[in-house]
């Protein structure tokens, strides 16, 4: 006996849907990489409501995430890792170190604090009597703040260079002295620039944990210690440009210059466009064009009676291509041209 059963198209569709649903019920849900990461304890990325405590966040503990410091008093807080953004609010009489920050560091409603900060942008608001040692890619901005002291970033540790890279920052681009004040006061300044090492720095790091070695010496610095373009010393100038690859050569050159008895005024790392190479080097553009296209360059302004000799001695330690200005008059033109180009490219 043969039995024929007629099923409508709608019935077939319903049966197919049921089979499909049953199959999906049997299949385990897809897992993505972010699903497999362990949930982060919020306390790992914040320090809040602390008094009289010392807190170290060690390399690798933050991993490029956002970090928050809020309502702390008489604390030592050290973030020895790269972050995305950092907000520091309502804190008093604290020592705070912030490692390379990909975007902005906001300091708000803080007083009598000391900071060492590396970031793409710094903004302060409603702050008083704070001191900041800074490495900043763009112009630092202050607003409704007074009695702020800025100096160049100082201190280093083994992982710091890699953290700059992870944050997309260069330790050789530092505009720490080019402050923009949103709320200037007629007849006075809300900030001062200090090129000397502050007396508080030697005791800034409280009881580093085992395995962490913090360096303060200039010849160990990851970030070159500069006077800043706003504090340009008097004396003969020299301009140096290091061409690609700069990873090793820049470290060697800055190490020599740091102990040569000259003033490092400013440095910037930037990619070189063909039209700038032609304009800057003129008749010598052919010597530099091919290498310039292979990567970034670092420009360095040096001042002091021995500036030219120190530049040549430093560059003698490297095997990559470099340029040294032939005389102080040319150096000044080189600096003006290079910094103008950097501002255009970086939109400082």
Protein backbone atom coordinates (compact mmCIF):
# COMPACT_ATOMS: atom_id res chain seq x y z
CA UNK A 1 0.00 0.00 0.00
CA UNK A 2 1.43 3.34 -0.97
CA UNK A 3 0.25 6.37 0.95
CA UNK A 4 0.67 9.77 -0.56
CA UNK A 5 0.56 12.80 1.76
CA UNK A 6 0.34 16.24 0.31
CA UNK A 7 2.05 18.95 2.31
CA UNK A 8 1.73 22.60 1.45
CA UNK A 9 4.74 24.85 0.87
CA UNK A 10 3.88 26.64 4.10
CA UNK A 11 4.01 23.34 5.96
CA UNK A 12 7.39 22.52 4.49
CA UNK A 13 8.69 25.93 5.56
CA UNK A 14 7.45 25.38 9.10
CA UNK A 15 9.08 21.94 9.28
CA UNK A 16 12.34 23.39 7.98
CA UNK A 17 12.23 26.13 10.59
CA UNK A 18 11.66 23.57 13.35
CA UNK A 19 14.58 21.43 12.16
CA UNK A 20 16.80 24.49 11.92
CA UNK A 21 15.84 25.61 15.43
CA UNK A 22 16.55 22.14 16.79
CA UNK A 23 19.96 22.12 15.12
CA UNK A 24 20.80 25.54 16.53
CA UNK A 25 19.77 24.39 19.98
CA UNK A 26 22.30 21.55 19.72
CA UNK A 27 25.16 23.81 18.58
CA UNK A 28 27.16 25.57 21.28
CA UNK A 29 27.18 29.38 20.96
CA UNK A 30 30.12 30.92 19.12
CA UNK A 31 32.87 32.31 21.29
CA UNK A 32 34.91 35.35 20.32
CA UNK A 33 38.28 36.39 21.69
CA UNK A 34 36.76 39.07 23.91
CA UNK A 35 34.36 36.50 25.40
CA UNK A 36 37.28 34.35 26.54
CA UNK A 37 39.06 37.16 28.40
CA UNK A 38 38.66 36.98 32.18
CA UNK A 39 36.46 39.73 33.57
CA UNK A 40 38.60 42.58 34.90
CA UNK A 41 38.17 43.67 38.48
CA UNK A 42 37.25 47.39 38.32
CA UNK A 43 39.69 47.99 41.19
CA UNK A 44 42.53 47.09 38.80
CA UNK A 45 41.95 50.27 36.81
CA UNK A 46 41.08 52.78 39.51
CA UNK A 47 42.38 54.21 42.76
CA UNK A 48 39.54 55.86 44.65
CA UNK A 49 39.02 57.28 48.15
CA UNK A 50 42.50 56.46 49.43
CA UNK A 51 44.34 58.24 52.25
CA UNK A 52 48.00 57.83 53.12
CA UNK A 53 48.49 54.77 50.88
CA UNK A 54 51.11 53.73 48.34
CA UNK A 55 49.74 52.01 45.22
CA UNK A 56 51.84 50.54 42.39
CA UNK A 57 50.25 49.36 39.13
CA UNK A 58 53.00 47.28 37.56
CA UNK A 59 53.93 46.87 33.88
CA UNK A 60 51.33 44.75 32.08
CA UNK A 61 48.64 45.26 34.72
CA UNK A 62 46.59 47.89 32.81
CA UNK A 63 47.27 46.93 29.19
CA UNK A 64 46.09 50.10 27.48
CA UNK A 65 42.76 50.53 29.29
CA UNK A 66 41.26 53.64 30.86
CA UNK A 67 42.42 54.52 34.39
CA UNK A 68 40.76 56.60 37.12
CA UNK A 69 42.17 58.31 40.21
CA UNK A 70 39.66 60.11 42.42
CA UNK A 71 39.47 61.65 45.88
CA UNK A 72 42.89 60.63 47.16
CA UNK A 73 44.89 62.38 49.88
CA UNK A 74 48.56 62.04 50.94
CA UNK A 75 49.02 59.07 48.58
CA UNK A 76 51.77 57.74 46.33
CA UNK A 77 50.22 56.35 43.13
CA UNK A 78 52.35 54.92 40.33
CA UNK A 79 50.84 53.63 37.08
CA UNK A 80 53.84 51.92 35.46
CA UNK A 81 51.95 50.80 32.36
CA UNK A 82 50.44 52.26 29.19
CA UNK A 83 46.83 53.42 29.33
CA UNK A 84 44.10 54.72 27.00
CA UNK A 85 43.00 57.80 28.98
CA UNK A 86 43.49 58.87 32.58
CA UNK A 87 41.33 61.10 34.78
CA UNK A 88 42.66 62.42 38.09
CA UNK A 89 40.11 64.26 40.23
CA UNK A 90 39.83 65.85 43.68
CA UNK A 91 43.20 64.71 44.99
CA UNK A 92 45.48 66.53 47.44
CA UNK A 93 49.16 66.26 48.36
CA UNK A 94 49.84 63.16 46.26
CA UNK A 95 52.76 61.87 44.20
CA UNK A 96 51.34 60.46 40.96
CA UNK A 97 53.18 58.81 38.07
CA UNK A 98 51.29 58.10 34.84
CA UNK A 99 52.96 55.96 32.16
CA UNK A 100 52.43 56.50 28.41
CA UNK A 101 48.80 57.42 27.75
CA UNK A 102 47.50 57.03 24.20
CA UNK A 103 45.07 59.93 24.45
CA UNK A 104 44.41 62.48 27.21
CA UNK A 105 45.31 62.85 30.85
CA UNK A 106 42.82 65.09 32.68
CA UNK A 107 43.82 66.61 36.04
CA UNK A 108 40.90 68.36 37.75
CA UNK A 109 40.31 69.91 41.16
CA UNK A 110 43.72 68.84 42.45
CA UNK A 111 46.05 70.77 44.73
CA UNK A 112 49.57 70.45 46.18
CA UNK A 113 50.32 67.36 44.05
CA UNK A 114 53.40 66.29 42.12
CA UNK A 115 52.98 64.51 38.79
CA UNK A 116 55.22 62.73 36.29
CA UNK A 117 53.14 62.16 33.14
CA UNK A 118 53.59 60.94 29.55
CA UNK A 119 50.63 61.44 27.22
CA UNK A 120 49.30 62.60 23.88
CA UNK A 121 47.41 65.50 25.48
CA UNK A 122 47.36 67.03 28.97
CA UNK A 123 44.54 69.18 30.35
CA UNK A 124 44.27 70.68 33.83
CA UNK A 125 41.23 72.46 35.27
CA UNK A 126 40.61 74.05 38.67
CA UNK A 127 44.03 73.06 39.99
CA UNK A 128 46.37 74.93 42.34
CA UNK A 129 50.00 74.49 43.40
CA UNK A 130 50.70 71.43 41.31
CA UNK A 131 54.01 70.43 39.72
CA UNK A 132 54.12 68.43 36.50
CA UNK A 133 57.10 66.76 34.83
CA UNK A 134 55.74 66.11 31.38
CA UNK A 135 56.22 64.39 28.04
CA UNK A 136 53.37 65.56 25.81
CA UNK A 137 52.91 65.17 22.06
CA UNK A 138 50.66 68.23 21.77
CA UNK A 139 50.45 71.58 23.57
CA UNK A 140 49.57 71.12 27.26
CA UNK A 141 46.40 73.01 28.18
CA UNK A 142 45.56 74.60 31.51
CA UNK A 143 42.23 76.13 32.46
CA UNK A 144 41.15 77.91 35.65
CA UNK A 145 44.40 76.74 37.25
CA UNK A 146 47.10 78.70 39.07
CA UNK A 147 50.58 78.22 40.49
CA UNK A 148 51.34 75.34 38.13
CA UNK A 149 54.99 74.41 37.54
CA UNK A 150 55.97 72.48 34.42
CA UNK A 151 59.22 70.66 33.71
CA UNK A 152 60.48 67.96 31.39
CA UNK A 153 59.56 64.33 32.05
CA UNK A 154 62.18 62.54 34.16
CA UNK A 155 62.47 58.90 35.21
CA UNK A 156 62.71 55.61 33.38
CA UNK A 157 62.32 51.87 33.84
CA UNK A 158 62.96 48.86 31.61
CA UNK A 159 59.48 48.56 30.06
CA UNK A 160 58.90 52.28 29.47
CA UNK A 161 60.17 52.40 25.86
CA UNK A 162 57.91 49.54 24.82
CA UNK A 163 54.97 51.20 26.54
CA UNK A 164 55.51 54.37 24.49
CA UNK A 165 55.32 52.23 21.36
CA UNK A 166 52.18 50.42 22.59
CA UNK A 167 50.52 53.79 23.26
CA UNK A 168 51.43 55.10 19.80
CA UNK A 169 53.66 57.83 21.25
CA UNK A 170 57.27 58.82 20.61
CA UNK A 171 59.56 59.68 23.55
CA UNK A 172 61.40 61.98 21.13
CA UNK A 173 58.40 64.28 20.57
CA UNK A 174 57.87 66.44 23.62
CA UNK A 175 56.11 69.81 23.75
CA UNK A 176 56.15 70.10 27.53
CA UNK A 177 57.03 73.82 27.54
CA UNK A 178 54.51 75.04 24.94
CA UNK A 179 51.69 75.70 27.39
CA UNK A 180 48.33 77.05 26.27
CA UNK A 181 46.39 78.85 29.01
CA UNK A 182 42.65 79.06 28.36
CA UNK A 183 42.18 81.52 31.23
CA UNK A 184 45.19 83.87 31.30
CA UNK A 185 45.46 86.62 33.90
CA UNK A 186 46.52 90.08 32.76
CA UNK A 187 49.90 91.04 34.19
CA UNK A 188 50.85 87.59 35.50
CA UNK A 189 51.09 83.94 34.56
CA UNK A 190 49.24 80.98 35.95
CA UNK A 191 52.24 78.73 35.31
CA UNK A 192 56.03 78.72 35.30
CA UNK A 193 58.55 76.60 33.40
CA UNK A 194 61.44 75.04 35.33
CA UNK A 195 64.30 73.33 33.51
CA UNK A 196 66.06 72.15 36.67
CA UNK A 197 65.50 68.78 38.30
CA UNK A 198 63.07 69.41 41.17
CA UNK A 199 64.28 68.63 44.67
CA UNK A 200 61.27 66.41 45.31
CA UNK A 201 62.08 63.99 42.48
CA UNK A 202 64.73 62.05 44.41
CA UNK A 203 62.11 60.95 46.95
CA UNK A 204 59.18 60.81 44.53
CA UNK A 205 59.11 57.01 44.18
CA UNK A 206 58.25 55.46 47.52
CA UNK A 207 59.52 51.92 48.18
CA UNK A 208 59.47 50.43 44.64
CA UNK A 209 58.38 46.78 44.67
CA UNK A 210 60.84 43.97 43.98
CA UNK A 211 61.81 43.69 40.33
CA UNK A 212 61.15 47.35 39.52
CA UNK A 213 64.23 49.52 38.94
CA UNK A 214 63.50 53.21 38.44
CA UNK A 215 66.20 55.40 36.86
CA UNK A 216 66.53 59.17 37.18
CA UNK A 217 69.94 59.75 35.55
CA UNK A 218 69.91 61.72 32.28
CA UNK A 219 72.01 59.13 30.43
CA UNK A 220 69.44 56.44 31.34
CA UNK A 221 66.44 58.51 30.25
CA UNK A 222 63.90 57.09 27.82
CA UNK A 223 62.63 60.64 27.24
CA UNK A 224 65.46 63.08 26.46
CA UNK A 225 65.64 65.82 29.10
CA UNK A 226 65.18 69.11 27.28
CA UNK A 227 65.04 72.80 28.24
CA UNK A 228 62.01 73.31 26.02
CA UNK A 229 61.69 75.74 23.13
CA UNK A 230 60.13 78.38 25.38
CA UNK A 231 63.28 78.33 27.54
CA UNK A 232 65.84 78.42 24.73
CA UNK A 233 69.28 79.18 26.24
CA UNK A 234 71.61 81.75 24.73
CA UNK A 235 74.60 80.58 22.75
CA UNK A 236 75.57 78.91 19.48
CA UNK A 237 72.97 76.52 18.13
CA UNK A 238 73.23 73.29 16.20
CA UNK A 239 70.53 71.26 14.47
CA UNK A 240 70.76 67.50 13.95
CA UNK A 241 68.43 65.27 11.96
CA UNK A 242 68.62 61.49 12.35
CA UNK A 243 67.14 59.55 9.45
CA UNK A 244 65.61 56.08 9.34
CA UNK A 245 66.02 53.67 10.93
CA UNK A 246 66.05 55.62 14.20
CA UNK A 247 65.23 52.96 16.80
CA UNK A 248 68.83 52.37 17.87
CA UNK A 249 70.57 55.45 16.54
CA UNK A 250 68.41 57.93 18.46
CA UNK A 251 69.09 56.19 21.78
CA UNK A 252 72.83 56.29 21.17
CA UNK A 253 72.88 59.93 20.11
CA UNK A 254 70.78 61.16 23.03
CA UNK A 255 72.87 59.14 25.49
CA UNK A 256 76.05 60.88 24.31
CA UNK A 257 74.46 64.33 24.22
CA UNK A 258 73.03 63.96 27.74
CA UNK A 259 76.54 64.00 29.24
CA UNK A 260 78.23 66.36 26.74
CA UNK A 261 77.70 69.59 28.66
CA UNK A 262 75.27 71.07 26.13
CA UNK A 263 71.60 72.02 26.30
CA UNK A 264 69.09 69.81 24.51
CA UNK A 265 66.44 72.35 23.62
CA UNK A 266 63.83 70.22 21.86
CA UNK A 267 63.36 67.11 19.73
CA UNK A 268 60.61 65.82 17.47
CA UNK A 269 60.00 62.55 15.63
CA UNK A 270 58.06 62.87 12.39
CA UNK A 271 57.65 61.22 8.95
CA UNK A 272 59.29 63.19 6.15
CA UNK A 273 57.27 64.04 3.06
CA UNK A 274 59.14 64.27 -0.28
CA UNK A 275 58.30 67.95 -0.73
CA UNK A 276 59.78 68.80 2.68
CA UNK A 277 62.96 66.86 1.92
CA UNK A 278 63.36 68.89 -1.27
CA UNK A 279 62.67 72.19 0.47
CA UNK A 280 64.85 71.48 3.53
CA UNK A 281 67.93 69.91 1.94
CA UNK A 282 67.90 71.85 -1.34
CA UNK A 283 70.79 70.78 -3.57
CA UNK A 284 71.53 67.86 -1.20
CA UNK A 285 68.00 66.44 -1.35
CA UNK A 286 69.17 63.55 -3.51
CA UNK A 287 71.42 62.30 -0.70
CA UNK A 288 68.53 62.02 1.72
CA UNK A 289 65.41 61.35 -0.38
CA UNK A 290 65.61 57.55 -0.52
CA UNK A 291 66.30 57.06 3.19
CA UNK A 292 63.79 59.73 4.21
CA UNK A 293 61.00 57.76 2.56
CA UNK A 294 61.78 54.62 4.60
CA UNK A 295 60.54 55.84 7.97
CA UNK A 296 60.51 58.61 10.54
CA UNK A 297 63.22 61.14 11.28
CA UNK A 298 64.20 62.78 14.57
CA UNK A 299 65.18 66.45 14.64
CA UNK A 300 67.20 67.78 17.59
CA UNK A 301 68.01 71.36 18.57
CA UNK A 302 71.19 71.73 20.66
CA UNK A 303 72.61 74.87 22.27
CA UNK A 304 75.92 75.66 23.89
CA UNK A 305 79.49 76.53 23.01
CA UNK A 306 80.28 72.88 22.30
CA UNK A 307 77.00 72.14 20.49
CA UNK A 308 78.50 71.37 17.07
CA UNK A 309 81.36 69.26 18.48
CA UNK A 310 78.95 67.33 20.71
CA UNK A 311 76.64 66.69 17.76
CA UNK A 312 79.48 65.30 15.64
CA UNK A 313 80.77 63.13 18.49
CA UNK A 314 77.27 61.74 19.11
CA UNK A 315 76.61 61.03 15.43
CA UNK A 316 79.98 59.31 15.08
CA UNK A 317 78.53 56.50 17.23
CA UNK A 318 75.86 55.54 14.69
CA UNK A 319 75.93 53.96 11.24
CA UNK A 320 72.71 55.44 9.86
CA UNK A 321 72.37 58.60 7.80
CA UNK A 322 72.25 61.96 9.57
CA UNK A 323 72.48 65.69 8.92
CA UNK A 324 74.27 68.33 11.05
CA UNK A 325 73.87 72.05 10.39
CA UNK A 326 77.16 73.59 9.17
CA UNK A 327 76.97 76.76 11.32
CA UNK A 328 74.76 78.51 13.93
CA UNK A 329 73.03 80.75 11.36
CA UNK A 330 71.99 77.75 9.28
CA UNK A 331 71.00 75.90 12.45
CA UNK A 332 68.48 78.60 13.33
CA UNK A 333 66.95 78.40 9.86
CA UNK A 334 66.90 74.60 10.08
CA UNK A 335 65.13 74.67 13.46
CA UNK A 336 62.49 77.15 12.28
CA UNK A 337 61.84 75.15 9.13
CA UNK A 338 61.69 71.78 10.87
CA UNK A 339 59.46 72.90 13.76
CA UNK A 340 57.08 74.63 11.34
CA UNK A 341 56.86 71.39 9.36
CA UNK A 342 56.30 69.35 12.54
CA UNK A 343 53.46 71.63 13.62
CA UNK A 344 51.85 71.28 10.20
CA UNK A 345 52.11 67.50 10.12
CA UNK A 346 51.23 66.92 13.76
CA UNK A 347 48.72 69.78 14.09
CA UNK A 348 50.22 70.69 17.46
